[in-house]
Amino acid sequence: MPDFERSLGNAQTLWTELSTLEFEAVEQAAGFATVIRFRLYNEQIRPGDVLVVLEGPEIRFHGMITAMDDEGWATAADRHGSTIPALVH
């Protein structure tokens, strides 16, 4: 079996409330953050997992985590459905 097949696993979903999300917009479209850099506190999350940002029952951002750094920040992208403002929070 090729190495990449042995390393395939299930993606996890990380969800958070918009009001508690510490993030900055890396890319934006029409005033909405389409790529964000956010503070990550869960050490079990890896690139390829999914970030879901809620505001009450409404999904405001749903995207794949694409990168993480050693300082506790991760990057996620939702280029087609994000409705979070392109501001630093």
Protein backbone atom coordinates (compact mmCIF):
# COMPACT_ATOMS: atom_id res chain seq x y z
CA MET A 1 0.00 0.00 0.00
CA PRO A 2 1.45 3.43 -0.90
CA ASP A 3 2.47 5.65 2.03
CA PHE A 4 -0.15 8.29 1.26
CA GLU A 5 -2.94 5.70 1.58
CA ARG A 6 -1.74 4.69 5.04
CA SER A 7 -1.74 8.33 6.16
CA LEU A 8 -5.27 9.13 4.98
CA GLY A 9 -7.66 9.71 7.85
CA ASN A 10 -10.89 11.38 8.71
CA ALA A 11 -11.09 15.15 8.68
CA GLN A 12 -12.22 16.81 11.87
CA THR A 13 -14.54 19.79 12.18
CA LEU A 14 -13.65 22.68 14.45
CA TRP A 15 -16.53 25.02 15.20
CA THR A 16 -16.57 28.33 17.04
CA GLU A 17 -18.79 31.35 17.59
CA LEU A 18 -17.91 34.44 15.58
CA SER A 19 -17.99 36.57 18.74
CA THR A 20 -15.12 34.55 20.28
CA LEU A 21 -13.02 34.02 17.13
CA GLU A 22 -9.71 35.89 17.12
CA PHE A 23 -8.89 36.38 13.43
CA GLU A 24 -7.64 38.68 10.71
CA ALA A 25 -8.67 38.72 7.06
CA VAL A 26 -5.89 37.60 4.71
CA GLU A 27 -8.06 37.87 1.57
CA GLN A 28 -11.45 39.44 1.05
CA ALA A 29 -14.18 39.82 -1.56
CA ALA A 30 -17.02 42.35 -1.43
CA GLY A 31 -16.15 43.21 2.18
CA PHE A 32 -16.24 39.60 3.42
CA ALA A 33 -13.20 37.68 4.67
CA THR A 34 -12.59 34.78 2.29
CA VAL A 35 -9.26 33.65 3.77
CA ILE A 36 -8.62 34.17 7.47
CA ARG A 37 -5.73 33.71 9.84
CA PHE A 38 -7.05 32.72 13.24
CA ARG A 39 -5.81 31.76 16.68
CA LEU A 40 -5.92 27.99 17.12
CA TYR A 41 -6.08 26.55 20.64
CA ASN A 42 -6.78 22.90 19.78
CA GLU A 43 -3.54 20.96 19.19
CA GLN A 44 -5.41 18.03 17.61
CA ILE A 45 -6.51 20.08 14.58
CA ARG A 46 -4.43 19.64 11.42
CA PRO A 47 -4.37 21.06 7.88
CA GLY A 48 -7.22 19.43 5.95
CA ASP A 49 -9.64 19.76 8.86
CA VAL A 50 -12.61 22.11 8.56
CA LEU A 51 -13.37 25.37 10.38
CA VAL A 52 -17.03 26.33 10.86
CA VAL A 53 -17.80 29.77 12.27
CA LEU A 54 -21.29 30.24 13.66
CA GLU A 55 -23.29 33.26 14.72
CA GLY A 56 -26.16 31.73 16.62
CA PRO A 57 -27.67 29.09 14.31
CA GLU A 58 -26.24 30.72 11.15
CA ILE A 59 -23.06 29.43 9.48
CA ARG A 60 -20.96 32.49 8.62
CA PHE A 61 -17.76 30.76 7.42
CA HIS A 62 -17.10 27.15 6.38
CA GLY A 63 -13.69 26.35 5.03
CA MET A 64 -10.72 24.01 4.99
CA ILE A 65 -7.76 24.70 7.25
CA THR A 66 -4.85 25.01 4.86
CA ALA A 67 -1.87 25.96 7.04
CA MET A 68 -0.69 26.22 10.63
CA ASP A 69 2.35 27.86 12.19
CA ASP A 70 4.39 27.26 15.33
CA GLU A 71 2.96 30.35 17.03
CA GLY A 72 -0.59 28.97 17.33
CA TRP A 73 -2.15 30.52 14.22
CA ALA A 74 -3.90 28.70 11.38
CA THR A 75 -5.27 29.73 7.98
CA ALA A 76 -8.62 28.70 6.51
CA ALA A 77 -10.39 29.58 3.26
CA ASP A 78 -14.07 29.99 2.34
CA ARG A 79 -13.96 31.79 -1.00
CA HIS A 80 -17.62 31.26 -1.93
CA GLY A 81 -19.79 31.43 1.16
CA SER A 82 -18.15 33.59 3.80
CA THR A 83 -20.30 36.30 5.37
CA ILE A 84 -17.91 37.41 8.08
CA PRO A 85 -16.66 40.99 7.79
CA ALA A 86 -13.13 41.53 6.51
CA LEU A 87 -11.90 43.08 9.75
CA VAL A 88 -9.39 42.12 12.42
CA HIS A 89 -11.08 40.63 15.51
